[in-house]
Amino acid sequence: MLPTTSMRKQNHRNVIGACGCCLVPFLILLIIFVAAVVFTSVVWQASGPGGFSWGRMHHYQFDAYRAGFQQGNVVGEQYASRGQAEPTGEDLDDLARDEAERLHVTRDRNQWTKGFRDGFARGFERFRKQAFFDVTSLHLVSLIAECKFSA
């Protein structure tokens, strides 16, 4: 016996998704979901300051510390090159305050001063070590030269 079209429909009626009536609600739900995701991402990017974006964030206190550190490093090397004693405590704070006023530092001055102190100590110490190694190496070279000529 040949199957008729009504028999074919009846055979496939129990299979989910075989008809178009299940596909339409699924597509509508998919469109709603994609629209919700796009809307949420647009609102997320537009809300609030730049802290939620992928761009570079500005941390002014770190920038001030770095600027103070660099300036302190330069001034520390200058002090050490002139053979002056390393200022500590209040003297270093006064020096940092004077440099900040000279450079017109107004934003995050405490962070700048802290960076200046740390940079000054590092620059002063690095120059002293470099000078010590230069003197030591020159002394060793002169000793070696003396030994060669005396032999």
C-alpha atoms as a PDB file:
ATOM      1  CA  MET A   1       0.000   0.000   0.000  1.00  0.00           C
ATOM      2  CA  LEU A   2       1.333   3.430  -0.907  1.00  0.00           C
ATOM      3  CA  PRO A   3       1.636   5.980   1.837  1.00  0.00           C
ATOM      4  CA  THR A   4      -0.433   9.072   1.311  1.00  0.00           C
ATOM      5  CA  THR A   5       0.464  12.607   2.266  1.00  0.00           C
ATOM      6  CA  SER A   6      -1.785  12.485   5.307  1.00  0.00           C
ATOM      7  CA  MET A   7       0.048   9.398   6.536  1.00  0.00           C
ATOM      8  CA  ARG A   8       3.433  11.100   6.047  1.00  0.00           C
ATOM      9  CA  LYS A   9       2.329  14.087   8.110  1.00  0.00           C
ATOM     10  CA  GLN A  10       1.114  11.848  10.815  1.00  0.00           C
ATOM     11  CA  ASN A  11       4.388   9.932  10.940  1.00  0.00           C
ATOM     12  CA  HIS A  12       6.440  13.132  11.389  1.00  0.00           C
ATOM     13  CA  ARG A  13       4.018  14.958  13.680  1.00  0.00           C
ATOM     14  CA  ASN A  14       5.687  13.674  16.888  1.00  0.00           C
ATOM     15  CA  VAL A  15       9.178  14.846  15.888  1.00  0.00           C
ATOM     16  CA  ILE A  16      10.080  18.195  17.495  1.00  0.00           C
ATOM     17  CA  GLY A  17      11.199  20.880  15.076  1.00  0.00           C
ATOM     18  CA  ALA A  18       9.854  19.153  12.012  1.00  0.00           C
ATOM     19  CA  CYS A  19       7.370  21.911  11.423  1.00  0.00           C
ATOM     20  CA  GLY A  20       7.891  25.663  11.026  1.00  0.00           C
ATOM     21  CA  CYS A  21       5.771  26.539  14.039  1.00  0.00           C
ATOM     22  CA  CYS A  22       8.683  25.708  16.424  1.00  0.00           C
ATOM     23  CA  LEU A  23      11.278  27.572  14.388  1.00  0.00           C
ATOM     24  CA  VAL A  24       9.546  30.971  14.467  1.00  0.00           C
ATOM     25  CA  PRO A  25       9.452  31.348  18.298  1.00  0.00           C
ATOM     26  CA  PHE A  26      13.060  30.150  18.491  1.00  0.00           C
ATOM     27  CA  LEU A  27      14.184  32.837  16.014  1.00  0.00           C
ATOM     28  CA  ILE A  28      12.225  35.499  17.896  1.00  0.00           C
ATOM     29  CA  LEU A  29      13.892  34.495  21.201  1.00  0.00           C
ATOM     30  CA  LEU A  30      17.323  34.488  19.533  1.00  0.00           C
ATOM     31  CA  ILE A  31      16.770  38.003  18.148  1.00  0.00           C
ATOM     32  CA  ILE A  32      15.637  39.234  21.590  1.00  0.00           C
ATOM     33  CA  PHE A  33      18.716  37.691  23.251  1.00  0.00           C
ATOM     34  CA  VAL A  34      21.160  39.223  20.746  1.00  0.00           C
ATOM     35  CA  ALA A  35      19.460  42.624  21.087  1.00  0.00           C
ATOM     36  CA  ALA A  36      19.713  42.402  24.896  1.00  0.00           C
ATOM     37  CA  VAL A  37      23.439  41.593  24.719  1.00  0.00           C
ATOM     38  CA  VAL A  38      24.137  44.467  22.312  1.00  0.00           C
ATOM     39  CA  PHE A  39      22.056  46.911  24.374  1.00  0.00           C
ATOM     40  CA  THR A  40      23.805  45.875  27.604  1.00  0.00           C
ATOM     41  CA  SER A  41      27.268  46.318  26.092  1.00  0.00           C
ATOM     42  CA  VAL A  42      26.373  49.754  24.699  1.00  0.00           C
ATOM     43  CA  VAL A  43      24.985  50.901  28.046  1.00  0.00           C
ATOM     44  CA  TRP A  44      28.029  49.486  29.882  1.00  0.00           C
ATOM     45  CA  GLN A  45      30.457  51.382  27.647  1.00  0.00           C
ATOM     46  CA  ALA A  46      28.497  54.614  27.856  1.00  0.00           C
ATOM     47  CA  SER A  47      27.995  54.588  31.621  1.00  0.00           C
ATOM     48  CA  GLY A  48      30.335  56.188  34.069  1.00  0.00           C
ATOM     49  CA  PRO A  49      33.819  57.601  33.594  1.00  0.00           C
ATOM     50  CA  GLY A  50      36.537  56.086  31.446  1.00  0.00           C
ATOM     51  CA  GLY A  51      37.363  53.581  34.188  1.00  0.00           C
ATOM     52  CA  PHE A  52      35.141  50.981  32.557  1.00  0.00           C
ATOM     53  CA  SER A  53      36.584  51.373  29.084  1.00  0.00           C
ATOM     54  CA  TRP A  54      39.504  49.603  27.492  1.00  0.00           C
ATOM     55  CA  GLY A  55      41.486  52.834  27.085  1.00  0.00           C
ATOM     56  CA  ARG A  56      44.457  53.968  29.164  1.00  0.00           C
ATOM     57  CA  MET A  57      43.489  54.966  32.677  1.00  0.00           C
ATOM     58  CA  HIS A  58      45.190  57.955  34.291  1.00  0.00           C
ATOM     59  CA  HIS A  59      46.557  57.424  37.769  1.00  0.00           C
ATOM     60  CA  TYR A  60      47.686  60.897  38.671  1.00  0.00           C
ATOM     61  CA  GLN A  61      49.206  59.892  41.993  1.00  0.00           C
ATOM     62  CA  PHE A  62      51.483  57.376  40.242  1.00  0.00           C
ATOM     63  CA  ASP A  63      52.395  59.924  37.582  1.00  0.00           C
ATOM     64  CA  ALA A  64      53.250  62.433  40.308  1.00  0.00           C
ATOM     65  CA  TYR A  65      55.344  59.850  42.185  1.00  0.00           C
ATOM     66  CA  ARG A  66      57.241  58.951  38.994  1.00  0.00           C
ATOM     67  CA  ALA A  67      57.881  62.616  38.156  1.00  0.00           C
ATOM     68  CA  GLY A  68      59.124  63.263  41.700  1.00  0.00           C
ATOM     69  CA  PHE A  69      61.313  60.162  41.570  1.00  0.00           C
ATOM     70  CA  GLN A  70      62.925  61.253  38.310  1.00  0.00           C
ATOM     71  CA  GLN A  71      63.577  64.758  39.580  1.00  0.00           C
ATOM     72  CA  GLY A  72      64.924  63.449  42.887  1.00  0.00           C
ATOM     73  CA  ASN A  73      67.209  61.064  41.043  1.00  0.00           C
ATOM     74  CA  VAL A  74      68.726  63.929  39.039  1.00  0.00           C
ATOM     75  CA  VAL A  75      69.154  66.174  42.081  1.00  0.00           C
ATOM     76  CA  GLY A  76      70.628  63.277  44.110  1.00  0.00           C
ATOM     77  CA  GLU A  77      73.245  62.625  41.437  1.00  0.00           C
ATOM     78  CA  GLN A  78      74.094  66.343  41.356  1.00  0.00           C
ATOM     79  CA  TYR A  79      74.556  66.433  45.129  1.00  0.00           C
ATOM     80  CA  ALA A  80      76.776  63.362  45.052  1.00  0.00           C
ATOM     81  CA  SER A  81      78.854  64.717  42.150  1.00  0.00           C
ATOM     82  CA  ARG A  82      79.559  67.903  44.095  1.00  0.00           C
ATOM     83  CA  GLY A  83      80.715  65.857  47.076  1.00  0.00           C
ATOM     84  CA  GLN A  84      78.008  67.171  49.379  1.00  0.00           C
ATOM     85  CA  ALA A  85      76.700  65.116  52.281  1.00  0.00           C
ATOM     86  CA  GLU A  86      73.391  63.337  51.754  1.00  0.00           C
ATOM     87  CA  PRO A  87      70.570  65.297  53.400  1.00  0.00           C
ATOM     88  CA  THR A  88      68.221  63.232  55.540  1.00  0.00           C
ATOM     89  CA  GLY A  89      64.990  63.778  57.440  1.00  0.00           C
ATOM     90  CA  GLU A  90      63.840  67.382  57.601  1.00  0.00           C
ATOM     91  CA  ASP A  91      66.626  68.617  55.333  1.00  0.00           C
ATOM     92  CA  LEU A  92      65.509  66.260  52.558  1.00  0.00           C
ATOM     93  CA  ASP A  93      61.872  67.246  53.115  1.00  0.00           C
ATOM     94  CA  ASP A  94      62.842  70.939  52.853  1.00  0.00           C
ATOM     95  CA  LEU A  95      64.778  70.235  49.664  1.00  0.00           C
ATOM     96  CA  ALA A  96      61.803  68.352  48.201  1.00  0.00           C
ATOM     97  CA  ARG A  97      59.439  71.164  49.178  1.00  0.00           C
ATOM     98  CA  ASP A  98      61.718  73.763  47.576  1.00  0.00           C
ATOM     99  CA  GLU A  99      61.997  71.741  44.355  1.00  0.00           C
ATOM    100  CA  ALA A 100      58.223  71.252  44.244  1.00  0.00           C
ATOM    101  CA  GLU A 101      57.680  74.990  44.605  1.00  0.00           C
ATOM    102  CA  ARG A 102      60.332  75.737  41.988  1.00  0.00           C
ATOM    103  CA  LEU A 103      58.665  73.338  39.523  1.00  0.00           C
ATOM    104  CA  HIS A 104      55.134  74.530  40.465  1.00  0.00           C
ATOM    105  CA  VAL A 105      53.930  71.063  41.520  1.00  0.00           C
ATOM    106  CA  THR A 106      50.359  71.429  42.772  1.00  0.00           C
ATOM    107  CA  ARG A 107      48.598  68.145  42.042  1.00  0.00           C
ATOM    108  CA  ASP A 108      49.375  65.188  44.363  1.00  0.00           C
ATOM    109  CA  ARG A 109      52.243  67.042  45.983  1.00  0.00           C
ATOM    110  CA  ASN A 110      52.603  64.465  48.776  1.00  0.00           C
ATOM    111  CA  GLN A 111      53.110  61.678  46.237  1.00  0.00           C
ATOM    112  CA  TRP A 112      55.569  63.841  44.313  1.00  0.00           C
ATOM    113  CA  THR A 113      57.508  64.538  47.517  1.00  0.00           C
ATOM    114  CA  LYS A 114      57.594  60.845  48.408  1.00  0.00           C
ATOM    115  CA  GLY A 115      58.877  60.017  44.924  1.00  0.00           C
ATOM    116  CA  PHE A 116      61.458  62.804  45.188  1.00  0.00           C
ATOM    117  CA  ARG A 117      62.793  61.415  48.467  1.00  0.00           C
ATOM    118  CA  ASP A 118      63.059  57.889  47.075  1.00  0.00           C
ATOM    119  CA  GLY A 119      64.610  59.084  43.822  1.00  0.00           C
ATOM    120  CA  PHE A 120      67.080  61.321  45.632  1.00  0.00           C
ATOM    121  CA  ALA A 121      68.286  58.461  47.802  1.00  0.00           C
ATOM    122  CA  ARG A 122      68.652  56.184  44.788  1.00  0.00           C
ATOM    123  CA  GLY A 123      70.439  58.750  42.621  1.00  0.00           C
ATOM    124  CA  PHE A 124      72.792  59.751  45.421  1.00  0.00           C
ATOM    125  CA  GLU A 125      73.654  56.149  46.263  1.00  0.00           C
ATOM    126  CA  ARG A 126      74.075  55.108  42.621  1.00  0.00           C
ATOM    127  CA  PHE A 127      76.459  57.988  41.910  1.00  0.00           C
ATOM    128  CA  ARG A 128      78.499  57.220  45.030  1.00  0.00           C
ATOM    129  CA  LYS A 129      78.782  53.550  44.061  1.00  0.00           C
ATOM    130  CA  GLN A 130      79.740  54.448  40.503  1.00  0.00           C
ATOM    131  CA  ALA A 131      82.371  56.908  41.730  1.00  0.00           C
ATOM    132  CA  PHE A 132      83.699  54.304  44.191  1.00  0.00           C
ATOM    133  CA  PHE A 133      84.014  51.680  41.454  1.00  0.00           C
ATOM    134  CA  ASP A 134      85.663  54.191  39.102  1.00  0.00           C
ATOM    135  CA  VAL A 135      88.220  55.155  41.761  1.00  0.00           C
ATOM    136  CA  THR A 136      88.794  51.520  42.692  1.00  0.00           C
ATOM    137  CA  SER A 137      89.266  50.471  39.082  1.00  0.00           C
ATOM    138  CA  LEU A 138      91.666  53.378  38.449  1.00  0.00           C
ATOM    139  CA  HIS A 139      93.605  52.424  41.558  1.00  0.00           C
ATOM    140  CA  LEU A 140      93.804  48.801  40.400  1.00  0.00           C
ATOM    141  CA  VAL A 141      94.944  49.866  36.938  1.00  0.00           C
ATOM    142  CA  SER A 142      97.678  52.032  38.430  1.00  0.00           C
ATOM    143  CA  LEU A 143      98.796  49.175  40.705  1.00  0.00           C
ATOM    144  CA  ILE A 144      98.947  46.776  37.779  1.00  0.00           C
ATOM    145  CA  ALA A 145     100.878  49.329  35.732  1.00  0.00           C
ATOM    146  CA  GLU A 146     103.360  49.774  38.603  1.00  0.00           C
ATOM    147  CA  CYS A 147     103.884  46.029  38.845  1.00  0.00           C
ATOM    148  CA  LYS A 148     104.543  45.728  35.100  1.00  0.00           C
ATOM    149  CA  PHE A 149     107.067  48.579  35.031  1.00  0.00           C
ATOM    150  CA  SER A 150     108.857  47.492  38.200  1.00  0.00           C
ATOM    151  CA  ALA A 151     109.365  43.959  36.945  1.00  0.00           C
END
